[in-house]
Amino acid sequence: MINATIYYRILAGSIRDVSSLVLSMAESGVKNIVLVSDKGFYSLDNINELFGNDINYILPLKRNSLFIDYSH
């Protein structure tokens, strides 16, 4: 049996800084978090913030991301 907790918080569309999400995760008290967010939160600074706080994440890449190889 999998024991899971779902916690969500709706943020204004203008917020693109992941630090507000890190604060929400700390307030929830949940450990072993996987953050699932939209592509608006994808940035090197946000990835570093998540990595530095040992938070797993799923963030879609923007279409112009250099990580996507469209040559095939």
C-alpha atoms as a PDB file:
ATOM      1  CA  MET A   1       0.000   0.000   0.000  1.00  0.00           C
ATOM      2  CA  ILE A   2       1.265   3.441  -0.910  1.00  0.00           C
ATOM      3  CA  ASN A   3       0.830   6.169   1.658  1.00  0.00           C
ATOM      4  CA  ALA A   4       0.672   9.553  -0.063  1.00  0.00           C
ATOM      5  CA  THR A   5      -0.350  13.058   0.881  1.00  0.00           C
ATOM      6  CA  ILE A   6      -1.435  15.642  -1.643  1.00  0.00           C
ATOM      7  CA  TYR A   7      -0.965  19.289  -0.763  1.00  0.00           C
ATOM      8  CA  TYR A   8      -1.636  22.075  -3.195  1.00  0.00           C
ATOM      9  CA  ARG A   9      -1.589  25.822  -3.131  1.00  0.00           C
ATOM     10  CA  ILE A  10      -2.756  28.121  -5.885  1.00  0.00           C
ATOM     11  CA  LEU A  11      -0.417  31.016  -6.588  1.00  0.00           C
ATOM     12  CA  ALA A  12      -0.916  34.143  -8.658  1.00  0.00           C
ATOM     13  CA  GLY A  13       0.157  33.707 -12.276  1.00  0.00           C
ATOM     14  CA  SER A  14       2.773  36.417 -11.925  1.00  0.00           C
ATOM     15  CA  ILE A  15       4.766  34.436  -9.328  1.00  0.00           C
ATOM     16  CA  ARG A  16       7.660  32.659 -11.040  1.00  0.00           C
ATOM     17  CA  ASP A  17       9.994  32.291  -8.054  1.00  0.00           C
ATOM     18  CA  VAL A  18      10.169  28.792  -6.620  1.00  0.00           C
ATOM     19  CA  SER A  19      11.030  30.114  -3.134  1.00  0.00           C
ATOM     20  CA  SER A  20       7.305  30.596  -2.496  1.00  0.00           C
ATOM     21  CA  LEU A  21       6.825  26.919  -3.319  1.00  0.00           C
ATOM     22  CA  VAL A  22       9.682  25.878  -1.042  1.00  0.00           C
ATOM     23  CA  LEU A  23       7.999  27.818   1.786  1.00  0.00           C
ATOM     24  CA  SER A  24       4.681  26.066   1.055  1.00  0.00           C
ATOM     25  CA  MET A  25       6.379  22.674   1.174  1.00  0.00           C
ATOM     26  CA  ALA A  26       8.013  23.510   4.495  1.00  0.00           C
ATOM     27  CA  GLU A  27       4.664  24.681   5.911  1.00  0.00           C
ATOM     28  CA  SER A  28       2.979  21.431   4.828  1.00  0.00           C
ATOM     29  CA  GLY A  29       5.357  19.363   6.968  1.00  0.00           C
ATOM     30  CA  VAL A  30       5.484  16.673   4.276  1.00  0.00           C
ATOM     31  CA  LYS A  31       8.793  14.917   3.563  1.00  0.00           C
ATOM     32  CA  ASN A  32       9.969  13.169   0.368  1.00  0.00           C
ATOM     33  CA  ILE A  33       8.247  15.716  -1.831  1.00  0.00           C
ATOM     34  CA  VAL A  34       7.884  15.617  -5.606  1.00  0.00           C
ATOM     35  CA  LEU A  35       6.958  19.045  -6.936  1.00  0.00           C
ATOM     36  CA  VAL A  36       4.883  18.986 -10.124  1.00  0.00           C
ATOM     37  CA  SER A  37       4.611  22.416 -11.697  1.00  0.00           C
ATOM     38  CA  ASP A  38       4.026  24.145 -15.020  1.00  0.00           C
ATOM     39  CA  LYS A  39       6.714  25.368 -17.400  1.00  0.00           C
ATOM     40  CA  GLY A  40       6.521  28.901 -16.007  1.00  0.00           C
ATOM     41  CA  PHE A  41       8.632  27.804 -13.042  1.00  0.00           C
ATOM     42  CA  TYR A  42      11.438  26.375 -15.181  1.00  0.00           C
ATOM     43  CA  SER A  43      14.626  28.411 -14.772  1.00  0.00           C
ATOM     44  CA  LEU A  44      18.189  27.658 -13.722  1.00  0.00           C
ATOM     45  CA  ASP A  45      17.719  29.610 -10.481  1.00  0.00           C
ATOM     46  CA  ASN A  46      14.587  27.618  -9.604  1.00  0.00           C
ATOM     47  CA  ILE A  47      16.258  24.287 -10.427  1.00  0.00           C
ATOM     48  CA  ASN A  48      19.180  25.229  -8.173  1.00  0.00           C
ATOM     49  CA  GLU A  49      16.758  26.209  -5.390  1.00  0.00           C
ATOM     50  CA  LEU A  50      14.923  22.878  -5.630  1.00  0.00           C
ATOM     51  CA  PHE A  51      18.148  20.905  -5.817  1.00  0.00           C
ATOM     52  CA  GLY A  52      19.611  22.840  -2.866  1.00  0.00           C
ATOM     53  CA  ASN A  53      16.538  22.006  -0.777  1.00  0.00           C
ATOM     54  CA  ASP A  54      16.645  18.316  -1.783  1.00  0.00           C
ATOM     55  CA  ILE A  55      13.257  18.525  -3.490  1.00  0.00           C
ATOM     56  CA  ASN A  56      12.410  16.195  -6.374  1.00  0.00           C
ATOM     57  CA  TYR A  57      10.575  17.872  -9.222  1.00  0.00           C
ATOM     58  CA  ILE A  58       8.776  17.418 -12.519  1.00  0.00           C
ATOM     59  CA  LEU A  59       8.855  20.579 -14.615  1.00  0.00           C
ATOM     60  CA  PRO A  60       8.017  20.676 -18.322  1.00  0.00           C
ATOM     61  CA  LEU A  61      10.621  22.278 -20.559  1.00  0.00           C
ATOM     62  CA  LYS A  62       9.864  25.292 -22.716  1.00  0.00           C
ATOM     63  CA  ARG A  63       9.804  24.621 -26.462  1.00  0.00           C
ATOM     64  CA  ASN A  64      12.992  26.598 -27.026  1.00  0.00           C
ATOM     65  CA  SER A  65      14.939  24.654 -24.389  1.00  0.00           C
ATOM     66  CA  LEU A  66      18.422  23.568 -25.453  1.00  0.00           C
ATOM     67  CA  PHE A  67      17.721  20.219 -23.750  1.00  0.00           C
ATOM     68  CA  ILE A  68      15.296  19.285 -26.556  1.00  0.00           C
ATOM     69  CA  ASP A  69      16.803  17.954 -29.781  1.00  0.00           C
ATOM     70  CA  TYR A  70      14.430  18.735 -32.656  1.00  0.00           C
ATOM     71  CA  SER A  71      16.904  17.632 -35.349  1.00  0.00           C
ATOM     72  CA  HIS A  72      15.320  14.171 -35.829  1.00  0.00           C
END
